[in-house]
Amino acid sequence: DKPDLVIKAVKQDWSALQCASKGMRRNTAVALEALKVTSRALCYVHRELRENRSFLLVAVSRNAWVLDEIASEFADDRAIVLAAVKR
């Protein structure tokens, strides 16, 4: 898999992430690009990233709506909420 091709695909249609390989769904650049389009893409992002606080901080800083999609354990995280609000 080539991240550039997958990024191009998710820019055109974020749901292309659903068909991407596990490795591409684990790729930070690919996941963030899909999340820039819509927060709903989080359901297709690999679990490893969905459970990664650092990744979620970046994701909500780029698209505050991601805050609505993240696991409850992170939804109460002050830094994550502030990153979303600053957006």
N, C-alpha and C. Protein backbone atom coordinates (compact mmCIF):
# COMPACT_ATOMS: atom_id res chain seq x y z
N ASP A 1 0.84 -1.20 0.00
CA ASP A 1 0.00 0.00 0.00
C ASP A 1 0.87 1.24 0.00
N LYS A 2 0.38 2.24 -0.70
CA LYS A 2 1.10 3.51 -0.75
C LYS A 2 0.23 4.57 -0.09
N PRO A 3 0.75 5.17 0.98
CA PRO A 3 -0.03 6.18 1.70
C PRO A 3 -0.53 7.31 0.81
N ASP A 4 0.29 7.74 -0.16
CA ASP A 4 -0.12 8.85 -1.02
C ASP A 4 -1.39 8.52 -1.80
N LEU A 5 -1.49 7.28 -2.28
CA LEU A 5 -2.68 6.89 -3.02
C LEU A 5 -3.91 6.83 -2.12
N VAL A 6 -3.73 6.32 -0.93
CA VAL A 6 -4.85 6.22 0.00
C VAL A 6 -5.28 7.61 0.46
N ILE A 7 -4.33 8.50 0.70
CA ILE A 7 -4.66 9.88 1.07
C ILE A 7 -5.46 10.54 -0.04
N LYS A 8 -5.03 10.36 -1.27
CA LYS A 8 -5.77 10.92 -2.41
C LYS A 8 -7.20 10.38 -2.45
N ALA A 9 -7.34 9.10 -2.18
CA ALA A 9 -8.67 8.47 -2.20
C ALA A 9 -9.56 9.01 -1.09
N VAL A 10 -9.04 9.14 0.12
CA VAL A 10 -9.88 9.61 1.23
C VAL A 10 -10.21 11.10 1.10
N LYS A 11 -9.38 11.84 0.39
CA LYS A 11 -9.72 13.25 0.12
C LYS A 11 -10.95 13.33 -0.77
N GLN A 12 -11.07 12.38 -1.71
CA GLN A 12 -12.22 12.36 -2.62
C GLN A 12 -13.44 11.75 -1.95
N ASP A 13 -13.20 10.71 -1.14
CA ASP A 13 -14.31 10.03 -0.47
C ASP A 13 -13.75 9.40 0.81
N TRP A 14 -14.06 10.03 1.93
CA TRP A 14 -13.50 9.59 3.21
C TRP A 14 -13.80 8.12 3.50
N SER A 15 -14.90 7.60 2.98
CA SER A 15 -15.25 6.20 3.28
C SER A 15 -14.32 5.21 2.58
N ALA A 16 -13.44 5.71 1.71
CA ALA A 16 -12.43 4.83 1.10
C ALA A 16 -11.53 4.25 2.18
N LEU A 17 -11.46 4.91 3.32
CA LEU A 17 -10.66 4.40 4.43
C LEU A 17 -11.15 3.02 4.87
N GLN A 18 -12.44 2.78 4.72
CA GLN A 18 -13.03 1.50 5.10
C GLN A 18 -12.41 0.35 4.30
N CYS A 19 -12.06 0.62 3.05
CA CYS A 19 -11.50 -0.43 2.18
C CYS A 19 -9.98 -0.52 2.25
N ALA A 20 -9.36 0.41 2.95
CA ALA A 20 -7.91 0.43 3.05
C ALA A 20 -7.42 -0.73 3.93
N SER A 21 -6.19 -1.11 3.72
CA SER A 21 -5.60 -2.18 4.52
C SER A 21 -5.47 -1.74 5.98
N LYS A 22 -5.28 -2.71 6.84
CA LYS A 22 -5.10 -2.42 8.26
C LYS A 22 -3.90 -1.48 8.47
N GLY A 23 -2.86 -1.71 7.70
CA GLY A 23 -1.67 -0.86 7.80
C GLY A 23 -1.95 0.58 7.43
N MET A 24 -2.77 0.79 6.42
CA MET A 24 -3.11 2.15 6.01
C MET A 24 -4.08 2.80 7.00
N ARG A 25 -4.94 2.01 7.62
CA ARG A 25 -5.85 2.56 8.62
C ARG A 25 -5.09 2.88 9.92
N ARG A 26 -3.90 2.31 10.04
CA ARG A 26 -3.02 2.58 11.19
C ARG A 26 -2.06 3.73 10.89
N ASN A 27 -1.98 4.14 9.64
CA ASN A 27 -1.09 5.20 9.21
C ASN A 27 -1.64 6.56 9.67
N THR A 28 -0.86 7.27 10.46
CA THR A 28 -1.31 8.54 11.04
C THR A 28 -1.71 9.55 9.98
N ALA A 29 -0.89 9.71 8.96
CA ALA A 29 -1.18 10.71 7.91
C ALA A 29 -2.49 10.39 7.19
N VAL A 30 -2.69 9.13 6.88
CA VAL A 30 -3.92 8.70 6.20
C VAL A 30 -5.13 8.96 7.09
N ALA A 31 -5.02 8.55 8.34
CA ALA A 31 -6.15 8.71 9.27
C ALA A 31 -6.48 10.18 9.48
N LEU A 32 -5.47 11.02 9.67
CA LEU A 32 -5.73 12.45 9.89
C LEU A 32 -6.34 13.11 8.67
N GLU A 33 -5.93 12.67 7.50
CA GLU A 33 -6.50 13.23 6.27
C GLU A 33 -8.00 12.89 6.18
N ALA A 34 -8.34 11.67 6.50
CA ALA A 34 -9.76 11.27 6.47
C ALA A 34 -10.55 12.04 7.53
N LEU A 35 -9.95 12.24 8.70
CA LEU A 35 -10.63 12.96 9.78
C LEU A 35 -10.77 14.45 9.49
N LYS A 36 -9.92 14.99 8.63
CA LYS A 36 -10.10 16.39 8.22
C LYS A 36 -11.39 16.53 7.43
N VAL A 37 -11.74 15.49 6.68
CA VAL A 37 -12.96 15.51 5.86
C VAL A 37 -14.19 15.36 6.75
N THR A 38 -14.17 14.36 7.63
CA THR A 38 -15.31 14.14 8.54
C THR A 38 -14.87 13.36 9.76
N SER A 39 -15.47 13.70 10.87
CA SER A 39 -15.16 12.98 12.11
C SER A 39 -15.68 11.54 12.07
N ARG A 40 -16.65 11.28 11.22
CA ARG A 40 -17.21 9.93 11.13
C ARG A 40 -16.19 8.91 10.66
N ALA A 41 -15.12 9.37 10.04
CA ALA A 41 -14.07 8.46 9.58
C ALA A 41 -13.38 7.75 10.73
N LEU A 42 -13.53 8.27 11.94
CA LEU A 42 -12.86 7.66 13.09
C LEU A 42 -13.25 6.19 13.26
N CYS A 43 -14.43 5.83 12.88
CA CYS A 43 -14.86 4.43 13.03
C CYS A 43 -14.04 3.49 12.16
N TYR A 44 -13.39 4.01 11.11
CA TYR A 44 -12.55 3.18 10.24
C TYR A 44 -11.06 3.27 10.57
N VAL A 45 -10.70 4.22 11.42
CA VAL A 45 -9.31 4.35 11.84
C VAL A 45 -8.96 3.15 12.74
N HIS A 46 -7.78 2.65 12.59
CA HIS A 46 -7.35 1.48 13.38
C HIS A 46 -7.48 1.76 14.88
N ARG A 47 -7.89 0.76 15.60
CA ARG A 47 -8.09 0.86 17.06
C ARG A 47 -6.86 1.41 17.77
N GLU A 48 -5.69 1.03 17.30
CA GLU A 48 -4.44 1.49 17.91
C GLU A 48 -4.37 3.03 17.94
N LEU A 49 -4.82 3.67 16.87
CA LEU A 49 -4.83 5.14 16.84
C LEU A 49 -6.01 5.71 17.62
N ARG A 50 -7.16 5.05 17.53
CA ARG A 50 -8.34 5.53 18.27
C ARG A 50 -8.11 5.54 19.77
N GLU A 51 -7.16 4.72 20.24
CA GLU A 51 -6.86 4.62 21.66
C GLU A 51 -5.56 5.34 22.04
N ASN A 52 -5.04 6.13 21.10
CA ASN A 52 -3.78 6.83 21.30
C ASN A 52 -4.06 8.30 21.61
N ARG A 53 -3.79 8.71 22.82
CA ARG A 53 -4.09 10.07 23.28
C ARG A 53 -3.40 11.12 22.41
N SER A 54 -2.15 10.91 22.07
CA SER A 54 -1.41 11.87 21.25
C SER A 54 -2.05 12.05 19.88
N PHE A 55 -2.44 10.94 19.29
CA PHE A 55 -3.13 11.00 17.99
C PHE A 55 -4.44 11.77 18.11
N LEU A 56 -5.20 11.48 19.15
CA LEU A 56 -6.50 12.14 19.33
C LEU A 56 -6.34 13.64 19.56
N LEU A 57 -5.29 14.03 20.25
CA LEU A 57 -5.02 15.46 20.44
C LEU A 57 -4.84 16.17 19.09
N VAL A 58 -4.09 15.55 18.22
CA VAL A 58 -3.88 16.13 16.89
C VAL A 58 -5.19 16.10 16.10
N ALA A 59 -5.90 15.00 16.17
CA ALA A 59 -7.14 14.86 15.40
C ALA A 59 -8.18 15.92 15.79
N VAL A 60 -8.39 16.12 17.09
CA VAL A 60 -9.39 17.11 17.50
C VAL A 60 -8.92 18.54 17.24
N SER A 61 -7.61 18.75 17.19
CA SER A 61 -7.11 20.09 16.87
C SER A 61 -7.33 20.41 15.39
N ARG A 62 -7.49 19.39 14.56
CA ARG A 62 -7.74 19.59 13.14
C ARG A 62 -9.22 19.57 12.80
N ASN A 63 -9.98 18.83 13.59
CA ASN A 63 -11.43 18.74 13.37
C ASN A 63 -12.08 18.54 14.74
N ALA A 64 -12.64 19.59 15.27
CA ALA A 64 -13.21 19.54 16.63
C ALA A 64 -14.33 18.51 16.75
N TRP A 65 -15.00 18.20 15.66
CA TRP A 65 -16.11 17.23 15.70
C TRP A 65 -15.64 15.83 16.05
N VAL A 66 -14.35 15.57 15.94
CA VAL A 66 -13.81 14.26 16.33
C VAL A 66 -14.11 14.00 17.81
N LEU A 67 -14.20 15.07 18.58
CA LEU A 67 -14.50 14.93 20.01
C LEU A 67 -15.81 14.17 20.23
N ASP A 68 -16.76 14.33 19.34
CA ASP A 68 -18.04 13.61 19.45
C ASP A 68 -17.91 12.12 19.20
N GLU A 69 -16.84 11.71 18.55
CA GLU A 69 -16.70 10.32 18.12
C GLU A 69 -15.74 9.50 18.99
N ILE A 70 -14.96 10.15 19.82
CA ILE A 70 -13.92 9.42 20.56
C ILE A 70 -14.50 8.67 21.75
N ALA A 71 -13.74 7.72 22.23
CA ALA A 71 -14.15 6.92 23.38
C ALA A 71 -14.34 7.81 24.60
N SER A 72 -15.27 7.42 25.45
CA SER A 72 -15.62 8.23 26.62
C SER A 72 -14.42 8.47 27.54
N GLU A 73 -13.49 7.54 27.58
CA GLU A 73 -12.31 7.73 28.44
C GLU A 73 -11.48 8.93 28.01
N PHE A 74 -11.55 9.30 26.73
CA PHE A 74 -10.80 10.45 26.23
C PHE A 74 -11.67 11.70 26.15
N ALA A 75 -12.97 11.53 26.10
CA ALA A 75 -13.88 12.67 25.97
C ALA A 75 -13.81 13.60 27.19
N ASP A 76 -13.39 13.06 28.33
CA ASP A 76 -13.27 13.86 29.54
C ASP A 76 -11.85 14.36 29.78
N ASP A 77 -10.95 14.06 28.86
CA ASP A 77 -9.56 14.47 28.97
C ASP A 77 -9.46 15.98 28.71
N ARG A 78 -9.02 16.70 29.71
CA ARG A 78 -8.99 18.18 29.63
C ARG A 78 -8.20 18.68 28.42
N ALA A 79 -7.04 18.11 28.17
CA ALA A 79 -6.20 18.57 27.07
C ALA A 79 -6.88 18.32 25.72
N ILE A 80 -7.54 17.20 25.59
CA ILE A 80 -8.23 16.89 24.33
C ILE A 80 -9.40 17.85 24.12
N VAL A 81 -10.16 18.08 25.16
CA VAL A 81 -11.30 19.01 25.05
C VAL A 81 -10.80 20.41 24.72
N LEU A 82 -9.73 20.85 25.37
CA LEU A 82 -9.18 22.18 25.07
C LEU A 82 -8.66 22.28 23.64
N ALA A 83 -8.05 21.22 23.14
CA ALA A 83 -7.55 21.22 21.76
C ALA A 83 -8.72 21.36 20.78
N ALA A 84 -9.84 20.73 21.10
CA ALA A 84 -11.02 20.83 20.24
C ALA A 84 -11.61 22.23 20.30
N VAL A 85 -11.67 22.80 21.49
CA VAL A 85 -12.27 24.13 21.67
C VAL A 85 -11.41 25.20 21.01
N LYS A 86 -10.10 25.06 21.08
CA LYS A 86 -9.20 26.03 20.47
C LYS A 86 -9.32 26.04 18.96
N ARG A 87 -9.79 24.97 18.42
CA ARG A 87 -9.96 24.83 16.98
C ARG A 87 -10.93 25.88 16.55
